[in-house]
Amino acid sequence: MRRGYVLAAGLTLLLLVFWLFRQSQTVDETAVIGGEVTWAVQPGDEVTEGSELVRVAALSGGEAVAARARWRGVVRETRVASGDRIMSGTVIARIEKK
């Protein structure tokens, strides 16, 4: 009888661990250069590895990519907007990995 309870508890624990690892993970993406934001990705946008997430005004008068996605997924939160000043290391978006 007791062996059945231990087996059921072990199976439940195994299923819980499997379920937790199957859940989508969210990751914070950070800027690699700073500046004034000219464009930012929007929540709900799908991105692939290497997709532009944020652009900043460049000293030469154009724009420079301040952050690119490291993962494929969906943007769940954007933490910057046009006109914001950011520094290298600023968290700019949260992506739910696929």
N, C-alpha and C. Protein backbone atom coordinates (compact mmCIF):
# COMPACT_ATOMS: atom_id res chain seq x y z
N MET A 1 0.82 -1.19 0.00
CA MET A 1 0.00 0.00 0.00
C MET A 1 0.87 1.26 0.00
N ARG A 2 1.85 1.28 0.88
CA ARG A 2 2.74 2.44 0.97
C ARG A 2 3.55 2.62 -0.31
N ARG A 3 3.94 1.50 -0.92
CA ARG A 3 4.70 1.55 -2.16
C ARG A 3 3.90 2.24 -3.26
N GLY A 4 2.61 2.04 -3.30
CA GLY A 4 1.73 2.68 -4.27
C GLY A 4 1.72 4.20 -4.10
N TYR A 5 1.69 4.67 -2.86
CA TYR A 5 1.72 6.11 -2.59
C TYR A 5 3.04 6.73 -3.04
N VAL A 6 4.14 6.04 -2.76
CA VAL A 6 5.46 6.53 -3.16
C VAL A 6 5.55 6.59 -4.67
N LEU A 7 5.06 5.56 -5.35
CA LEU A 7 5.08 5.53 -6.80
C LEU A 7 4.22 6.65 -7.38
N ALA A 8 3.05 6.88 -6.82
CA ALA A 8 2.16 7.95 -7.29
C ALA A 8 2.80 9.32 -7.06
N ALA A 9 3.42 9.51 -5.90
CA ALA A 9 4.07 10.79 -5.61
C ALA A 9 5.24 11.01 -6.56
N GLY A 10 6.02 9.99 -6.83
CA GLY A 10 7.15 10.11 -7.75
C GLY A 10 6.68 10.44 -9.16
N LEU A 11 5.62 9.79 -9.61
CA LEU A 11 5.07 10.07 -10.94
C LEU A 11 4.53 11.48 -11.02
N THR A 12 3.86 11.94 -9.98
CA THR A 12 3.35 13.31 -9.95
C THR A 12 4.49 14.32 -10.01
N LEU A 13 5.54 14.08 -9.26
CA LEU A 13 6.70 14.97 -9.27
C LEU A 13 7.36 14.99 -10.65
N LEU A 14 7.49 13.85 -11.27
CA LEU A 14 8.07 13.77 -12.60
C LEU A 14 7.23 14.54 -13.62
N LEU A 15 5.93 14.40 -13.56
CA LEU A 15 5.05 15.15 -14.46
C LEU A 15 5.13 16.65 -14.22
N LEU A 16 5.24 17.06 -12.97
CA LEU A 16 5.37 18.48 -12.64
C LEU A 16 6.66 19.06 -13.21
N VAL A 17 7.76 18.35 -13.05
CA VAL A 17 9.04 18.82 -13.59
C VAL A 17 8.98 18.90 -15.11
N PHE A 18 8.41 17.90 -15.76
CA PHE A 18 8.26 17.91 -17.21
C PHE A 18 7.41 19.11 -17.64
N TRP A 19 6.33 19.37 -16.96
CA TRP A 19 5.44 20.49 -17.30
C TRP A 19 6.16 21.83 -17.15
N LEU A 20 6.94 21.98 -16.09
CA LEU A 20 7.68 23.22 -15.88
C LEU A 20 8.68 23.48 -16.99
N PHE A 21 9.37 22.45 -17.45
CA PHE A 21 10.35 22.62 -18.51
C PHE A 21 9.71 22.83 -19.87
N ARG A 22 8.48 22.39 -20.05
CA ARG A 22 7.78 22.58 -21.31
C ARG A 22 7.17 23.98 -21.42
N GLN A 23 7.06 24.68 -20.32
CA GLN A 23 6.51 26.03 -20.35
C GLN A 23 7.44 26.95 -21.14
N SER A 24 6.85 27.91 -21.83
CA SER A 24 7.66 28.87 -22.57
C SER A 24 8.51 29.68 -21.61
N GLN A 25 9.72 29.92 -22.02
CA GLN A 25 10.63 30.72 -21.21
C GLN A 25 10.67 32.13 -21.78
N THR A 26 10.75 33.11 -20.90
CA THR A 26 10.93 34.48 -21.35
C THR A 26 12.35 34.91 -21.02
N VAL A 27 12.92 35.69 -21.93
CA VAL A 27 14.28 36.18 -21.75
C VAL A 27 14.31 37.69 -21.94
N ASP A 28 15.16 38.34 -21.19
CA ASP A 28 15.36 39.79 -21.34
C ASP A 28 16.44 40.01 -22.38
N GLU A 29 16.19 40.92 -23.31
CA GLU A 29 17.18 41.31 -24.30
C GLU A 29 17.71 42.69 -23.92
N THR A 30 19.01 42.88 -24.06
CA THR A 30 19.64 44.14 -23.66
C THR A 30 20.31 44.82 -24.84
N ALA A 31 20.47 46.12 -24.71
CA ALA A 31 21.14 46.92 -25.74
C ALA A 31 22.64 46.70 -25.66
N VAL A 32 23.29 46.72 -26.83
CA VAL A 32 24.75 46.60 -26.86
C VAL A 32 25.40 47.97 -27.03
N ILE A 33 24.64 48.96 -27.51
CA ILE A 33 25.13 50.34 -27.58
C ILE A 33 24.04 51.26 -27.05
N GLY A 34 24.43 52.45 -26.65
CA GLY A 34 23.48 53.41 -26.12
C GLY A 34 23.18 54.51 -27.11
N GLY A 35 22.23 55.35 -26.74
CA GLY A 35 21.86 56.48 -27.57
C GLY A 35 20.38 56.79 -27.43
N GLU A 36 19.89 57.66 -28.31
CA GLU A 36 18.47 58.02 -28.30
C GLU A 36 17.72 57.06 -29.21
N VAL A 37 16.70 56.41 -28.65
CA VAL A 37 15.92 55.43 -29.39
C VAL A 37 15.15 56.12 -30.52
N THR A 38 15.28 55.56 -31.74
CA THR A 38 14.52 56.07 -32.89
C THR A 38 13.43 55.11 -33.32
N TRP A 39 13.58 53.84 -32.95
CA TRP A 39 12.59 52.81 -33.30
C TRP A 39 12.75 51.64 -32.34
N ALA A 40 11.61 51.02 -31.98
CA ALA A 40 11.65 49.84 -31.12
C ALA A 40 10.58 48.85 -31.57
N VAL A 41 10.90 47.58 -31.43
CA VAL A 41 9.96 46.51 -31.74
C VAL A 41 8.73 46.64 -30.83
N GLN A 42 7.59 46.13 -31.27
CA GLN A 42 6.35 46.26 -30.51
C GLN A 42 5.94 44.92 -29.90
N PRO A 43 5.26 44.94 -28.74
CA PRO A 43 4.75 43.70 -28.15
C PRO A 43 3.84 42.98 -29.16
N GLY A 44 3.99 41.67 -29.19
CA GLY A 44 3.21 40.86 -30.12
C GLY A 44 3.95 40.54 -31.41
N ASP A 45 5.01 41.30 -31.71
CA ASP A 45 5.80 41.03 -32.91
C ASP A 45 6.56 39.72 -32.76
N GLU A 46 6.59 38.93 -33.83
CA GLU A 46 7.40 37.72 -33.85
C GLU A 46 8.79 38.09 -34.33
N VAL A 47 9.79 37.51 -33.68
CA VAL A 47 11.18 37.78 -34.05
C VAL A 47 11.92 36.46 -34.24
N THR A 48 12.98 36.52 -35.02
CA THR A 48 13.87 35.38 -35.17
C THR A 48 15.24 35.80 -34.67
N GLU A 49 16.12 34.84 -34.52
CA GLU A 49 17.47 35.16 -34.07
C GLU A 49 18.09 36.15 -35.05
N GLY A 50 18.57 37.28 -34.53
CA GLY A 50 19.19 38.32 -35.35
C GLY A 50 18.26 39.46 -35.74
N SER A 51 16.96 39.34 -35.45
CA SER A 51 16.02 40.42 -35.77
C SER A 51 16.36 41.68 -34.99
N GLU A 52 16.20 42.83 -35.63
CA GLU A 52 16.41 44.10 -34.95
C GLU A 52 15.33 44.30 -33.89
N LEU A 53 15.74 44.77 -32.72
CA LEU A 53 14.80 45.05 -31.64
C LEU A 53 14.72 46.54 -31.36
N VAL A 54 15.86 47.23 -31.46
CA VAL A 54 15.91 48.67 -31.16
C VAL A 54 16.95 49.32 -32.06
N ARG A 55 16.62 50.51 -32.53
CA ARG A 55 17.60 51.33 -33.27
C ARG A 55 17.78 52.63 -32.49
N VAL A 56 18.99 53.18 -32.56
CA VAL A 56 19.30 54.46 -31.92
C VAL A 56 19.91 55.40 -32.95
N ALA A 57 19.84 56.70 -32.66
CA ALA A 57 20.44 57.70 -33.54
C ALA A 57 21.95 57.54 -33.49
N ALA A 58 22.57 57.52 -34.67
CA ALA A 58 24.02 57.38 -34.77
C ALA A 58 24.65 58.76 -34.89
N LEU A 59 25.89 58.88 -34.49
CA LEU A 59 26.59 60.15 -34.57
C LEU A 59 26.73 60.63 -36.02
N SER A 60 26.77 59.70 -36.96
CA SER A 60 26.93 60.06 -38.37
C SER A 60 25.65 60.60 -38.99
N GLY A 61 24.58 60.64 -38.21
CA GLY A 61 23.31 61.16 -38.71
C GLY A 61 22.30 60.11 -39.07
N GLY A 62 22.69 58.86 -39.17
CA GLY A 62 21.75 57.79 -39.49
C GLY A 62 21.27 57.08 -38.23
N GLU A 63 21.04 55.80 -38.38
CA GLU A 63 20.61 54.98 -37.25
C GLU A 63 21.55 53.80 -37.11
N ALA A 64 21.63 53.27 -35.90
CA ALA A 64 22.43 52.08 -35.62
C ALA A 64 21.57 51.10 -34.83
N VAL A 65 21.76 49.83 -35.07
CA VAL A 65 21.02 48.80 -34.34
C VAL A 65 21.63 48.68 -32.95
N ALA A 66 20.81 48.89 -31.93
CA ALA A 66 21.30 48.82 -30.56
C ALA A 66 21.10 47.45 -29.94
N ALA A 67 20.16 46.66 -30.49
CA ALA A 67 19.91 45.32 -29.95
C ALA A 67 19.30 44.44 -31.02
N ARG A 68 19.73 43.19 -31.01
CA ARG A 68 19.16 42.17 -31.89
C ARG A 68 18.70 41.00 -31.03
N ALA A 69 17.69 40.29 -31.52
CA ALA A 69 17.16 39.13 -30.79
C ALA A 69 18.18 38.00 -30.79
N ARG A 70 18.33 37.37 -29.66
CA ARG A 70 19.20 36.20 -29.55
C ARG A 70 18.41 34.91 -29.72
N TRP A 71 17.07 35.02 -29.71
CA TRP A 71 16.19 33.85 -29.74
C TRP A 71 15.05 34.08 -30.72
N ARG A 72 14.46 33.00 -31.16
CA ARG A 72 13.22 33.08 -31.93
C ARG A 72 12.07 33.08 -30.93
N GLY A 73 11.09 33.96 -31.16
CA GLY A 73 9.96 34.01 -30.24
C GLY A 73 9.04 35.18 -30.51
N VAL A 74 8.27 35.54 -29.48
CA VAL A 74 7.30 36.63 -29.56
C VAL A 74 7.65 37.67 -28.51
N VAL A 75 7.66 38.94 -28.92
CA VAL A 75 7.94 40.03 -27.99
C VAL A 75 6.74 40.17 -27.05
N ARG A 76 6.96 40.00 -25.77
CA ARG A 76 5.89 40.12 -24.77
C ARG A 76 5.86 41.50 -24.13
N GLU A 77 7.02 42.17 -24.10
CA GLU A 77 7.09 43.49 -23.46
C GLU A 77 8.23 44.28 -24.09
N THR A 78 7.96 45.54 -24.39
CA THR A 78 9.00 46.46 -24.84
C THR A 78 9.17 47.50 -23.75
N ARG A 79 10.38 47.70 -23.29
CA ARG A 79 10.64 48.60 -22.16
C ARG A 79 11.19 49.96 -22.56
N VAL A 80 11.29 50.23 -23.87
CA VAL A 80 11.77 51.52 -24.34
C VAL A 80 10.85 52.02 -25.44
N ALA A 81 10.91 53.33 -25.69
CA ALA A 81 10.09 53.94 -26.75
C ALA A 81 10.93 54.99 -27.46
N SER A 82 10.47 55.40 -28.63
CA SER A 82 11.17 56.45 -29.38
C SER A 82 11.37 57.66 -28.50
N GLY A 83 12.58 58.21 -28.55
CA GLY A 83 12.91 59.38 -27.75
C GLY A 83 13.60 59.06 -26.44
N ASP A 84 13.48 57.82 -25.95
CA ASP A 84 14.16 57.43 -24.71
C ASP A 84 15.67 57.39 -24.96
N ARG A 85 16.44 57.70 -23.93
CA ARG A 85 17.90 57.54 -24.00
C ARG A 85 18.24 56.26 -23.26
N ILE A 86 19.00 55.41 -23.91
CA ILE A 86 19.40 54.14 -23.30
C ILE A 86 20.91 54.03 -23.26
N MET A 87 21.39 53.14 -22.40
CA MET A 87 22.82 52.86 -22.30
C MET A 87 23.04 51.39 -22.63
N SER A 88 24.25 51.04 -22.94
CA SER A 88 24.59 49.64 -23.15
C SER A 88 24.21 48.85 -21.90
N GLY A 89 23.54 47.73 -22.09
CA GLY A 89 23.12 46.91 -20.96
C GLY A 89 21.69 47.15 -20.52
N THR A 90 21.04 48.19 -21.06
CA THR A 90 19.65 48.46 -20.71
C THR A 90 18.75 47.33 -21.24
N VAL A 91 17.86 46.82 -20.39
CA VAL A 91 16.89 45.82 -20.84
C VAL A 91 15.88 46.54 -21.72
N ILE A 92 15.74 46.09 -22.95
CA ILE A 92 14.86 46.79 -23.88
C ILE A 92 13.61 46.01 -24.24
N ALA A 93 13.65 44.68 -24.10
CA ALA A 93 12.48 43.89 -24.44
C ALA A 93 12.53 42.55 -23.72
N ARG A 94 11.35 41.97 -23.56
CA ARG A 94 11.23 40.62 -23.01
C ARG A 94 10.61 39.74 -24.10
N ILE A 95 11.28 38.65 -24.41
CA ILE A 95 10.84 37.76 -25.49
C ILE A 95 10.48 36.40 -24.91
N GLU A 96 9.32 35.89 -25.35
CA GLU A 96 8.92 34.53 -24.99
C GLU A 96 9.48 33.61 -26.06
N LYS A 97 10.42 32.76 -25.67
CA LYS A 97 11.09 31.87 -26.62
C LYS A 97 10.12 30.83 -27.15
N LYS A 98 10.31 30.48 -28.42
CA LYS A 98 9.51 29.40 -29.03
C LYS A 98 10.35 28.17 -29.18
